[in-house]
C-alpha atoms as a PDB file:
ATOM      1  CA  MET A   1      42.982 -32.480 -42.989  1.00  0.00           C
ATOM      2  CA  ARG A   2      45.717 -32.633 -45.610  1.00  0.00           C
ATOM      3  CA  PHE A   3      46.147 -28.862 -45.489  1.00  0.00           C
ATOM      4  CA  LEU A   4      46.220 -28.796 -41.676  1.00  0.00           C
ATOM      5  CA  THR A   5      48.791 -31.569 -41.582  1.00  0.00           C
ATOM      6  CA  HIS A   6      50.950 -29.626 -44.010  1.00  0.00           C
ATOM      7  CA  ARG A   7      50.427 -26.268 -42.300  1.00  0.00           C
ATOM      8  CA  LEU A   8      50.648 -27.277 -38.636  1.00  0.00           C
ATOM      9  CA  GLY A   9      52.710 -30.447 -38.850  1.00  0.00           C
ATOM     10  CA  ALA A  10      51.571 -33.990 -38.241  1.00  0.00           C
ATOM     11  CA  GLU A  11      53.035 -34.032 -34.730  1.00  0.00           C
ATOM     12  CA  ARG A  12      50.478 -31.392 -33.672  1.00  0.00           C
ATOM     13  CA  LEU A  13      47.499 -33.255 -35.149  1.00  0.00           C
ATOM     14  CA  PHE A  14      48.123 -36.944 -34.560  1.00  0.00           C
ATOM     15  CA  MET A  15      48.906 -39.060 -31.508  1.00  0.00           C
ATOM     16  CA  SER A  16      52.242 -40.788 -31.265  1.00  0.00           C
ATOM     17  CA  ASP A  17      52.220 -44.565 -31.705  1.00  0.00           C
ATOM     18  CA  GLN A  18      52.802 -45.031 -28.000  1.00  0.00           C
ATOM     19  CA  VAL A  19      49.912 -42.768 -26.969  1.00  0.00           C
ATOM     20  CA  LEU A  20      47.551 -44.298 -29.514  1.00  0.00           C
ATOM     21  CA  LEU A  21      48.313 -47.865 -28.427  1.00  0.00           C
ATOM     22  CA  SER A  22      47.940 -46.913 -24.763  1.00  0.00           C
ATOM     23  CA  HIS A  23      44.193 -46.483 -25.407  1.00  0.00           C
ATOM     24  CA  PHE A  24      43.838 -50.131 -26.461  1.00  0.00           C
ATOM     25  CA  ALA A  25      45.026 -52.515 -23.751  1.00  0.00           C
ATOM     26  CA  LYS A  26      45.069 -55.590 -26.017  1.00  0.00           C
ATOM     27  CA  CYS A  27      47.103 -53.801 -28.685  1.00  0.00           C
ATOM     28  CA  ARG A  28      49.962 -52.364 -26.642  1.00  0.00           C
ATOM     29  CA  ASP A  29      52.455 -54.883 -28.029  1.00  0.00           C
ATOM     30  CA  LEU A  30      51.635 -54.268 -31.680  1.00  0.00           C
ATOM     31  CA  SER A  31      54.380 -53.019 -33.929  1.00  0.00           C
ATOM     32  CA  LYS A  32      53.900 -50.629 -36.806  1.00  0.00           C
ATOM     33  CA  PHE A  33      53.624 -52.371 -40.152  1.00  0.00           C
ATOM     34  CA  LEU A  34      53.940 -49.350 -42.413  1.00  0.00           C
ATOM     35  CA  GLN A  35      53.759 -45.582 -42.192  1.00  0.00           C
ATOM     36  CA  THR A  36      53.676 -43.204 -45.111  1.00  0.00           C
ATOM     37  CA  THR A  37      52.364 -39.806 -46.064  1.00  0.00           C
ATOM     38  CA  LEU A  38      52.942 -40.453 -49.752  1.00  0.00           C
ATOM     39  CA  TRP A  39      50.600 -42.631 -51.758  1.00  0.00           C
ATOM     40  CA  GLU A  40      48.368 -42.398 -54.794  1.00  0.00           C
ATOM     41  CA  HIS A  41      44.953 -41.624 -53.367  1.00  0.00           C
ATOM     42  CA  PRO A  42      42.108 -42.664 -55.687  1.00  0.00           C
ATOM     43  CA  ASP A  43      39.967 -39.782 -56.911  1.00  0.00           C
ATOM     44  CA  VAL A  44      36.573 -41.377 -56.378  1.00  0.00           C
ATOM     45  CA  ALA A  45      34.852 -38.133 -57.436  1.00  0.00           C
ATOM     46  CA  VAL A  46      35.884 -38.858 -61.025  1.00  0.00           C
ATOM     47  CA  GLY A  47      35.172 -42.580 -60.852  1.00  0.00           C
ATOM     48  CA  GLU A  48      38.534 -43.984 -59.775  1.00  0.00           C
ATOM     49  CA  LYS A  49      37.965 -47.063 -57.654  1.00  0.00           C
ATOM     50  CA  PRO A  50      40.167 -47.988 -54.709  1.00  0.00           C
ATOM     51  CA  SER A  51      40.215 -51.554 -56.022  1.00  0.00           C
ATOM     52  CA  GLY A  52      42.030 -50.354 -59.144  1.00  0.00           C
ATOM     53  CA  ASN A  53      44.556 -48.197 -57.298  1.00  0.00           C
ATOM     54  CA  VAL A  54      48.196 -49.301 -57.170  1.00  0.00           C
ATOM     55  CA  SER A  55      48.741 -48.003 -53.631  1.00  0.00           C
ATOM     56  CA  ILE A  56      45.648 -49.689 -52.197  1.00  0.00           C
ATOM     57  CA  ARG A  57      46.209 -52.956 -54.062  1.00  0.00           C
ATOM     58  CA  SER A  58      49.861 -53.140 -53.071  1.00  0.00           C
ATOM     59  CA  LEU A  59      49.001 -52.358 -49.438  1.00  0.00           C
ATOM     60  CA  VAL A  60      46.532 -55.248 -49.398  1.00  0.00           C
ATOM     61  CA  MET A  61      49.192 -57.540 -50.885  1.00  0.00           C
ATOM     62  CA  ALA A  62      51.826 -56.328 -48.399  1.00  0.00           C
ATOM     63  CA  LEU A  63      49.487 -56.963 -45.462  1.00  0.00           C
ATOM     64  CA  ALA A  64      48.418 -60.376 -46.760  1.00  0.00           C
ATOM     65  CA  GLN A  65      52.026 -61.486 -47.225  1.00  0.00           C
ATOM     66  CA  GLY A  66      53.437 -59.679 -44.190  1.00  0.00           C
ATOM     67  CA  ASP A  67      55.994 -57.915 -46.371  1.00  0.00           C
ATOM     68  CA  ARG A  68      55.985 -54.107 -46.191  1.00  0.00           C
ATOM     69  CA  SER A  69      58.410 -53.901 -49.126  1.00  0.00           C
ATOM     70  CA  LEU A  70      55.523 -54.845 -51.442  1.00  0.00           C
ATOM     71  CA  PHE A  71      53.825 -51.482 -50.838  1.00  0.00           C
ATOM     72  CA  MET A  72      54.092 -49.142 -53.827  1.00  0.00           C
ATOM     73  CA  GLN A  73      53.403 -45.403 -53.573  1.00  0.00           C
ATOM     74  CA  GLY A  74      52.224 -45.082 -57.133  1.00  0.00           C
ATOM     75  CA  ARG A  75      52.185 -41.411 -58.136  1.00  0.00           C
ATOM     76  CA  PRO A  76      51.801 -39.676 -54.758  1.00  0.00           C
ATOM     77  CA  ASN A  77      49.012 -37.102 -54.723  1.00  0.00           C
ATOM     78  CA  THR A  78      48.305 -36.790 -51.007  1.00  0.00           C
ATOM     79  CA  HIS A  79      49.737 -33.307 -50.583  1.00  0.00           C
ATOM     80  CA  TRP A  80      46.898 -30.788 -50.147  1.00  0.00           C
ATOM     81  CA  LYS A  81      47.950 -28.839 -53.260  1.00  0.00           C
ATOM     82  CA  PHE A  82      46.696 -31.724 -55.421  1.00  0.00           C
ATOM     83  CA  TRP A  83      43.151 -31.370 -54.028  1.00  0.00           C
ATOM     84  CA  THR A  84      42.413 -27.638 -54.214  1.00  0.00           C
ATOM     85  CA  GLN A  85      39.383 -27.993 -56.488  1.00  0.00           C
ATOM     86  CA  ALA A  86      36.081 -28.323 -54.617  1.00  0.00           C
ATOM     87  CA  ALA A  87      33.920 -31.184 -55.850  1.00  0.00           C
END
């Protein structure tokens, strides 16, 4: 998925916010809290736990406090080139 997003472009793979929300009648008035393609994804294959990850922990804090500025990217590794090794 990461490679396809990079190669084809996110706009060709993912629905727009408007189209996505149109599928959920009760959610049509929701606003986007945060959008990013850069975060430090935990490498669970080598034992990293999401609960110890700066991006995940800060996202939880940002959501709990309703403050998107609390989100921290950490060291972004979401580009497909970081995950070329097969597990």
